[in-house]
Amino acid sequence: MPVNKNAMTRYQILDELLSNRYHDYSIDDLTVAVNERLKEMGIKPVTRRCIEMDIHYLEYDGPYMVEIQRKDMLVYNTERQKTVTKKCLKYSDPTFSIFKKEMSDDEKYLLSQALDLLGQFDGLPTFEALQQLKSGLSVRDHRHIVSFTKNPLENSSLFGELFIAIMQKQVIRVHYHKFGEEDVDLTADLYPYFLKEYNRRWYVFGELVEEDMMICFALDRMNGFDPLPGKQYKEFEGDINDWFEDIIGVTRYVGKPVEHVVFWVSDKSKSYVATKPMHESQKVFRGEKDAAMRERYPMLEGGTFFSIDCMENYELYSELLSFGAELVVLEPVAVREELRRRVEKMMEVYGGVRG
């Protein structure tokens, strides 16, 4: 078989797929996966027969002489609604690769630090292998230079397990409970997309399989999850980061409008708010805008006026209330009145406390 540029590209893609220990691919699966990658590169798709010939070349005709194992796997076919058998292929040695590249000292150091970061989370099935890889890098300086704050009540092993599930595009069945109902095991089938930390708590975001709706689960309310290998994974359309663009924290209510929230911060706290923005949209009022606000609100002396554009949610109100009397929301009126209601409720509760 003549080896051309496109053939080498296919060999590289097949090399990644056949060494993947978390997925089992049939010839048809390999054909689909290779063509998806080729399409991203602007290369024409190939036939199943071409993939069969590529694998034969890797095994017998080329210089690689790879060892590929074939085994029958039972999977659930959603279209035919029954369990079927398919023959799957993968490298006999999952650590094998036909493409190897020597790393520079800087690359070794960066990889070592990345492994240190990843090693702060339990539950990675390949943790021991990662430790062996780190030892094999022969990096002299093993100092930890970055650290995450952990929630001591959180099942930290879930992070590593979910990390692998997302990376390997696995559909999962989540087992979770609500606050105060720890004995009630609820379940939901999920396409997991993203792990996000907010306020010392980790969340997994994904789409519900049956309801076509985005949802998040706090890891400290998850009892665990089961992989569902018989279900086809659904990719997230677009950039997952766009989901968080208009909110503070993790709670997003579908249909909620984006509010233009204007607030005043005292001289005592204005530098803190300026250097630690509540939201990426945060702006400070200067010049004519500042003068107009001071004329409209003469009772607010000194300080600085800010604005943010985001949706109402629990985290927004918590953030605004965290500054106490040092921050006053001015617009919109509905947000200001909701904050007033919460403050009055706090006063009512504290007023009823007697030592």
Protein backbone atom coordinates (compact mmCIF):
# COMPACT_ATOMS: atom_id res chain seq x y z
CA MET A 1 0.00 0.00 0.00
CA PRO A 2 1.49 3.37 -0.98
CA VAL A 3 1.85 5.64 2.04
CA ASN A 4 0.71 9.22 1.39
CA LYS A 5 -0.03 12.18 3.63
CA ASN A 6 -3.71 11.28 4.09
CA ALA A 7 -2.82 7.69 4.90
CA MET A 8 -0.42 8.81 7.63
CA THR A 9 -3.16 11.04 9.02
CA ARG A 10 -5.53 8.07 9.18
CA TYR A 11 -2.84 5.93 10.85
CA GLN A 12 -2.40 8.59 13.53
CA ILE A 13 -6.16 8.74 14.17
CA LEU A 14 -6.43 4.95 14.24
CA ASP A 15 -3.46 4.81 16.61
CA GLU A 16 -5.34 7.03 19.11
CA LEU A 17 -8.57 5.05 18.78
CA LEU A 18 -7.00 1.60 19.06
CA SER A 19 -5.04 2.60 22.18
CA ASN A 20 -8.14 4.01 23.92
CA ARG A 21 -8.75 1.75 26.91
CA TYR A 22 -12.15 3.29 27.69
CA HIS A 23 -13.94 2.67 24.40
CA ASP A 24 -14.44 -0.38 22.22
CA TYR A 25 -14.61 0.26 18.48
CA SER A 26 -15.87 -1.98 15.71
CA ILE A 27 -14.77 -1.46 12.11
CA ASP A 28 -17.91 0.61 11.53
CA ASP A 29 -17.23 2.68 14.67
CA LEU A 30 -13.63 3.26 13.57
CA THR A 31 -14.81 4.34 10.12
CA VAL A 32 -17.23 6.88 11.60
CA ALA A 33 -14.66 8.21 14.11
CA VAL A 34 -11.90 8.53 11.50
CA ASN A 35 -14.20 10.32 9.04
CA GLU A 36 -15.32 12.77 11.74
CA ARG A 37 -11.69 13.70 12.37
CA LEU A 38 -10.93 13.89 8.64
CA LYS A 39 -13.91 16.18 8.14
CA GLU A 40 -12.57 18.54 10.83
CA MET A 41 -9.28 18.67 8.88
CA GLY A 42 -10.99 19.33 5.55
CA ILE A 43 -10.09 15.88 4.19
CA LYS A 44 -12.53 13.73 2.21
CA PRO A 45 -14.07 10.77 4.06
CA VAL A 46 -13.02 7.20 3.35
CA THR A 47 -14.87 3.90 3.10
CA ARG A 48 -15.04 1.03 5.55
CA ARG A 49 -12.91 -0.98 3.13
CA CYS A 50 -10.20 1.69 3.29
CA ILE A 51 -10.13 1.46 7.11
CA GLU A 52 -9.92 -2.35 6.89
CA MET A 53 -6.93 -2.03 4.55
CA ASP A 54 -5.31 0.56 6.86
CA ILE A 55 -5.59 -1.82 9.82
CA HIS A 56 -4.21 -4.72 7.74
CA TYR A 57 -1.26 -2.52 6.76
CA LEU A 58 -0.59 -1.58 10.41
CA GLU A 59 -0.69 -5.24 11.41
CA TYR A 60 1.10 -7.03 8.58
CA ASP A 61 2.41 -5.01 5.62
CA GLY A 62 3.96 -1.90 7.13
CA PRO A 63 6.93 -1.36 9.42
CA TYR A 64 4.81 -1.18 12.58
CA MET A 65 3.66 -4.81 13.02
CA VAL A 66 1.16 -3.84 15.69
CA GLU A 67 -0.70 -6.45 17.77
CA ILE A 68 -4.46 -5.92 17.63
CA GLN A 69 -6.90 -7.98 19.66
CA ARG A 70 -10.45 -8.65 18.51
CA LYS A 71 -13.25 -9.53 20.88
CA ASP A 72 -17.03 -9.76 20.78
CA MET A 73 -18.96 -7.14 22.79
CA LEU A 74 -22.65 -7.07 23.65
CA VAL A 75 -24.14 -3.59 23.12
CA TYR A 76 -27.64 -2.19 23.07
CA ASN A 77 -28.71 -0.95 19.62
CA THR A 78 -31.09 1.98 20.16
CA GLU A 79 -32.41 1.90 16.58
CA ARG A 80 -33.20 -1.82 16.61
CA GLN A 81 -34.06 -1.71 20.34
CA LYS A 82 -32.23 -4.91 21.19
CA THR A 83 -28.85 -6.17 22.31
CA VAL A 84 -26.49 -7.09 19.48
CA THR A 85 -22.95 -8.45 19.21
CA LYS A 86 -20.19 -6.51 17.53
CA LYS A 87 -16.53 -7.36 17.08
CA CYS A 88 -14.29 -4.69 18.57
CA LEU A 89 -10.64 -3.96 17.94
CA LYS A 90 -7.95 -2.42 20.13
CA TYR A 91 -4.23 -2.68 20.77
CA SER A 92 -3.29 -5.71 22.85
CA ASP A 93 -1.05 -3.33 24.81
CA PRO A 94 -3.01 -0.10 25.56
CA THR A 95 0.24 1.77 26.23
CA PHE A 96 1.54 1.03 22.74
CA SER A 97 1.71 3.73 20.08
CA ILE A 98 3.32 3.85 16.64
CA PHE A 99 3.94 7.57 17.05
CA LYS A 100 6.45 8.62 19.69
CA LYS A 101 8.13 11.97 20.23
CA GLU A 102 10.88 13.00 22.64
CA MET A 103 9.92 15.82 24.99
CA SER A 104 12.10 18.79 25.85
CA ASP A 105 12.99 19.56 29.49
CA ASP A 106 10.42 22.39 29.54
CA GLU A 107 7.71 20.09 28.20
CA LYS A 108 8.59 17.47 30.82
CA TYR A 109 8.37 20.08 33.60
CA LEU A 110 5.00 21.40 32.36
CA LEU A 111 3.64 17.86 32.11
CA SER A 112 4.91 17.09 35.62
CA GLN A 113 3.09 20.13 37.02
CA ALA A 114 -0.06 19.19 35.11
CA LEU A 115 0.09 15.73 36.70
CA ASP A 116 0.51 17.38 40.11
CA LEU A 117 -2.68 19.38 39.51
CA LEU A 118 -4.57 16.33 38.35
CA GLY A 119 -3.21 14.30 41.24
CA GLN A 120 -4.99 16.53 43.74
CA PHE A 121 -8.23 14.77 42.80
CA ASP A 122 -8.92 11.18 43.78
CA GLY A 123 -10.71 8.64 41.67
CA LEU A 124 -8.68 8.68 38.48
CA PRO A 125 -8.48 5.07 37.27
CA THR A 126 -5.13 5.82 35.66
CA PHE A 127 -3.68 7.56 38.71
CA GLU A 128 -0.97 4.94 39.29
CA ALA A 129 -0.05 5.04 35.62
CA LEU A 130 0.16 8.83 35.79
CA GLN A 131 2.45 8.58 38.80
CA GLN A 132 4.68 6.18 36.89
CA LEU A 133 4.68 8.57 33.96
CA LYS A 134 5.67 11.43 36.24
CA SER A 135 8.52 9.37 37.70
CA GLY A 136 9.68 8.53 34.21
CA LEU A 137 9.94 12.20 33.27
CA SER A 138 13.08 12.53 35.44
CA VAL A 139 12.14 16.06 36.52
CA ARG A 140 14.30 17.20 39.43
CA ASP A 141 12.03 19.91 40.82
CA HIS A 142 8.73 18.37 42.02
CA ARG A 143 7.42 21.31 44.03
CA HIS A 144 3.65 21.88 44.07
CA ILE A 145 3.15 25.43 42.81
CA VAL A 146 -0.65 25.43 42.31
CA SER A 147 -3.33 24.16 44.71
CA PHE A 148 -7.13 23.90 44.75
CA THR A 149 -9.30 24.49 47.81
CA LYS A 150 -11.29 21.35 48.55
CA ASN A 151 -14.67 20.90 50.19
CA PRO A 152 -13.96 18.38 52.99
CA LEU A 153 -17.51 16.99 52.73
CA GLU A 154 -17.24 16.28 49.01
CA ASN A 155 -16.64 12.82 47.54
CA SER A 156 -13.43 13.82 45.77
CA SER A 157 -13.12 10.51 43.94
CA LEU A 158 -16.15 11.48 41.87
CA PHE A 159 -14.20 14.27 40.22
CA GLY A 160 -11.64 11.90 38.74
CA GLU A 161 -14.28 9.38 37.69
CA LEU A 162 -16.42 12.07 36.04
CA PHE A 163 -13.33 13.57 34.40
CA ILE A 164 -12.69 10.23 32.71
CA ALA A 165 -16.37 9.81 31.75
CA ILE A 166 -16.45 13.24 30.07
CA MET A 167 -13.11 12.71 28.37
CA GLN A 168 -14.21 9.34 27.03
CA LYS A 169 -17.69 10.62 26.05
CA GLN A 170 -19.62 8.16 28.18
CA VAL A 171 -23.34 8.40 28.86
CA ILE A 172 -23.89 7.96 32.61
CA ARG A 173 -26.69 7.29 35.07
CA VAL A 174 -26.31 9.70 38.00
CA HIS A 175 -27.37 8.66 41.51
CA TYR A 176 -28.06 11.70 43.68
CA HIS A 177 -30.07 12.99 46.63
CA LYS A 178 -31.58 16.29 47.69
CA PHE A 179 -30.57 18.24 50.78
CA GLY A 180 -32.15 16.61 53.83
CA GLU A 181 -33.13 13.50 51.85
CA GLU A 182 -29.87 11.55 51.91
CA ASP A 183 -31.69 8.20 52.08
CA VAL A 184 -33.70 8.82 48.89
CA ASP A 185 -31.70 7.66 45.84
CA LEU A 186 -32.76 9.57 42.71
CA THR A 187 -31.44 8.80 39.24
CA ALA A 188 -31.00 10.65 35.96
CA ASP A 189 -29.39 9.63 32.66
CA LEU A 190 -26.92 12.28 31.54
CA TYR A 191 -24.63 13.29 28.69
CA PRO A 192 -21.85 14.82 30.87
CA TYR A 193 -20.06 17.81 29.35
CA PHE A 194 -18.25 19.92 31.91
CA LEU A 195 -16.88 20.11 35.46
CA LYS A 196 -16.97 23.52 37.15
CA GLU A 197 -16.04 24.76 40.60
CA TYR A 198 -17.87 27.59 42.31
CA ASN A 199 -17.58 28.71 45.93
CA ARG A 200 -15.68 25.58 47.08
CA ARG A 201 -18.15 23.20 45.47
CA TRP A 202 -17.73 21.17 42.27
CA TYR A 203 -20.55 20.62 39.79
CA VAL A 204 -20.96 18.40 36.75
CA PHE A 205 -22.98 19.87 33.87
CA GLY A 206 -24.71 17.88 31.19
CA GLU A 207 -27.87 17.27 29.23
CA LEU A 208 -30.62 14.95 30.43
CA VAL A 209 -30.95 12.09 27.96
CA GLU A 210 -34.75 11.94 27.89
CA GLU A 211 -35.67 15.59 28.44
CA ASP A 212 -33.27 17.49 26.17
CA MET A 213 -32.48 19.90 29.02
CA MET A 214 -29.23 21.15 30.52
CA ILE A 215 -28.79 20.47 34.24
CA CYS A 216 -26.07 20.44 36.89
CA PHE A 217 -25.40 18.18 39.86
CA ALA A 218 -23.31 19.17 42.87
CA LEU A 219 -20.76 16.46 43.55
CA ASP A 220 -21.47 16.56 47.28
CA ARG A 221 -25.06 15.50 46.55
CA MET A 222 -24.07 12.70 44.19
CA ASN A 223 -23.99 9.13 45.50
CA GLY A 224 -22.14 7.94 42.40
CA PHE A 225 -22.88 7.06 38.79
CA ASP A 226 -22.96 4.11 36.41
CA PRO A 227 -21.63 4.20 32.82
CA LEU A 228 -24.19 3.30 30.14
CA PRO A 229 -21.99 1.90 27.33
CA GLY A 230 -25.00 0.86 25.25
CA LYS A 231 -26.21 4.44 24.80
CA GLN A 232 -24.88 6.76 22.11
CA TYR A 233 -23.19 9.93 23.44
CA LYS A 234 -24.57 13.27 22.28
CA GLU A 235 -22.10 16.10 21.78
CA PHE A 236 -22.76 19.59 23.15
CA GLU A 237 -23.47 21.99 20.31
CA GLY A 238 -21.31 25.09 20.52
CA ASP A 239 -19.01 26.23 23.33
CA ILE A 240 -20.03 25.02 26.80
CA ASN A 241 -18.51 28.17 28.30
CA ASP A 242 -21.26 30.21 26.61
CA TRP A 243 -23.73 28.56 29.02
CA PHE A 244 -22.15 30.51 31.90
CA GLU A 245 -21.67 33.79 30.04
CA ASP A 246 -24.74 35.55 31.45
CA ILE A 247 -24.76 34.22 35.01
CA ILE A 248 -22.83 34.37 38.27
CA GLY A 249 -22.10 30.91 39.64
CA VAL A 250 -23.81 27.83 38.23
CA THR A 251 -27.61 28.36 38.30
CA ARG A 252 -29.20 29.29 34.99
CA TYR A 253 -32.97 29.58 34.59
CA VAL A 254 -34.18 29.05 31.02
CA GLY A 255 -36.14 32.06 29.78
CA LYS A 256 -34.77 34.51 32.36
CA PRO A 257 -33.79 37.87 30.81
CA VAL A 258 -30.37 39.43 31.23
CA GLU A 259 -30.66 42.32 33.71
CA HIS A 260 -28.59 45.51 33.67
CA VAL A 261 -27.78 45.75 37.40
CA VAL A 262 -26.43 49.10 38.61
CA PHE A 263 -25.00 49.37 42.11
CA TRP A 264 -22.99 51.67 44.35
CA VAL A 265 -20.04 50.52 46.45
CA SER A 266 -18.58 52.48 49.36
CA ASP A 267 -15.00 53.78 49.49
CA LYS A 268 -14.21 50.95 51.91
CA SER A 269 -15.07 48.18 49.42
CA LYS A 270 -14.79 49.78 45.96
CA SER A 271 -11.19 48.63 45.38
CA TYR A 272 -12.11 45.06 46.29
CA VAL A 273 -15.01 45.04 43.81
CA ALA A 274 -12.91 46.72 41.13
CA THR A 275 -10.09 44.18 41.39
CA LYS A 276 -12.35 41.12 41.87
CA PRO A 277 -15.26 41.66 39.44
CA MET A 278 -18.52 39.91 40.22
CA HIS A 279 -19.03 39.17 36.53
CA GLU A 280 -17.07 39.53 33.29
CA SER A 281 -19.48 42.28 32.15
CA GLN A 282 -18.68 44.50 35.15
CA LYS A 283 -18.05 48.16 34.28
CA VAL A 284 -17.22 51.20 36.38
CA PHE A 285 -19.01 54.53 35.85
CA ARG A 286 -16.75 57.45 35.02
CA GLY A 287 -17.10 61.01 33.73
CA GLU A 288 -20.62 62.00 32.67
CA LYS A 289 -22.14 58.66 33.72
CA ASP A 290 -20.71 59.01 37.21
CA ALA A 291 -21.88 62.64 37.46
CA ALA A 292 -25.41 61.68 36.36
CA MET A 293 -25.62 58.94 38.98
CA ARG A 294 -24.42 61.28 41.76
CA GLU A 295 -27.05 63.83 40.79
CA ARG A 296 -29.71 61.13 40.83
CA TYR A 297 -28.59 59.58 44.13
CA PRO A 298 -27.20 62.47 46.24
CA MET A 299 -27.66 60.48 49.46
CA LEU A 300 -24.78 58.16 48.46
CA GLU A 301 -21.55 59.97 49.35
CA GLY A 302 -18.19 59.00 47.84
CA GLY A 303 -17.83 55.45 46.62
CA THR A 304 -18.07 54.22 43.03
CA PHE A 305 -20.92 53.20 40.74
CA PHE A 306 -20.69 49.87 38.87
CA SER A 307 -22.87 47.81 36.55
CA ILE A 308 -23.08 44.17 35.49
CA ASP A 309 -25.25 42.41 32.91
CA CYS A 310 -26.45 39.00 34.06
CA MET A 311 -29.50 36.89 34.89
CA GLU A 312 -31.13 36.77 38.30
CA ASN A 313 -30.23 33.66 40.29
CA TYR A 314 -29.39 32.57 43.82
CA GLU A 315 -25.69 33.33 43.38
CA LEU A 316 -26.31 36.89 42.19
CA TYR A 317 -28.28 37.78 45.32
CA SER A 318 -25.79 36.02 47.57
CA GLU A 319 -22.91 37.96 46.02
CA LEU A 320 -24.67 41.31 46.33
CA LEU A 321 -25.75 40.67 49.94
CA SER A 322 -22.25 39.56 50.96
CA PHE A 323 -21.09 43.19 51.08
CA GLY A 324 -23.77 44.26 53.55
CA ALA A 325 -24.27 48.01 53.78
CA GLU A 326 -21.12 48.65 51.71
CA LEU A 327 -23.05 47.87 48.49
CA VAL A 328 -26.42 49.30 47.42
CA VAL A 329 -28.28 48.06 44.33
CA LEU A 330 -30.02 50.89 42.48
CA GLU A 331 -31.40 49.35 39.29
CA PRO A 332 -33.49 47.54 38.25
CA VAL A 333 -36.14 48.23 40.86
CA ALA A 334 -37.26 44.57 40.95
CA VAL A 335 -33.78 43.39 41.98
CA ARG A 336 -33.45 46.19 44.54
CA GLU A 337 -36.83 45.33 46.09
CA GLU A 338 -35.98 41.64 46.26
CA LEU A 339 -32.80 42.50 48.15
CA ARG A 340 -34.80 44.78 50.45
CA ARG A 341 -37.22 41.92 51.16
CA ARG A 342 -34.35 39.57 52.04
CA VAL A 343 -32.72 42.15 54.32
CA GLU A 344 -36.03 42.75 56.11
CA LYS A 345 -36.42 39.01 56.59
CA MET A 346 -32.94 38.87 58.12
CA MET A 347 -33.81 41.72 60.47
CA GLU A 348 -37.00 39.91 61.47
CA VAL A 349 -35.07 36.70 62.25
CA TYR A 350 -32.30 38.46 64.15
CA GLY A 351 -34.85 40.56 66.02
CA GLY A 352 -36.48 37.43 67.33
CA VAL A 353 -33.24 35.95 68.72
CA ARG A 354 -32.81 36.38 72.46
CA GLY A 355 -29.68 35.24 74.30
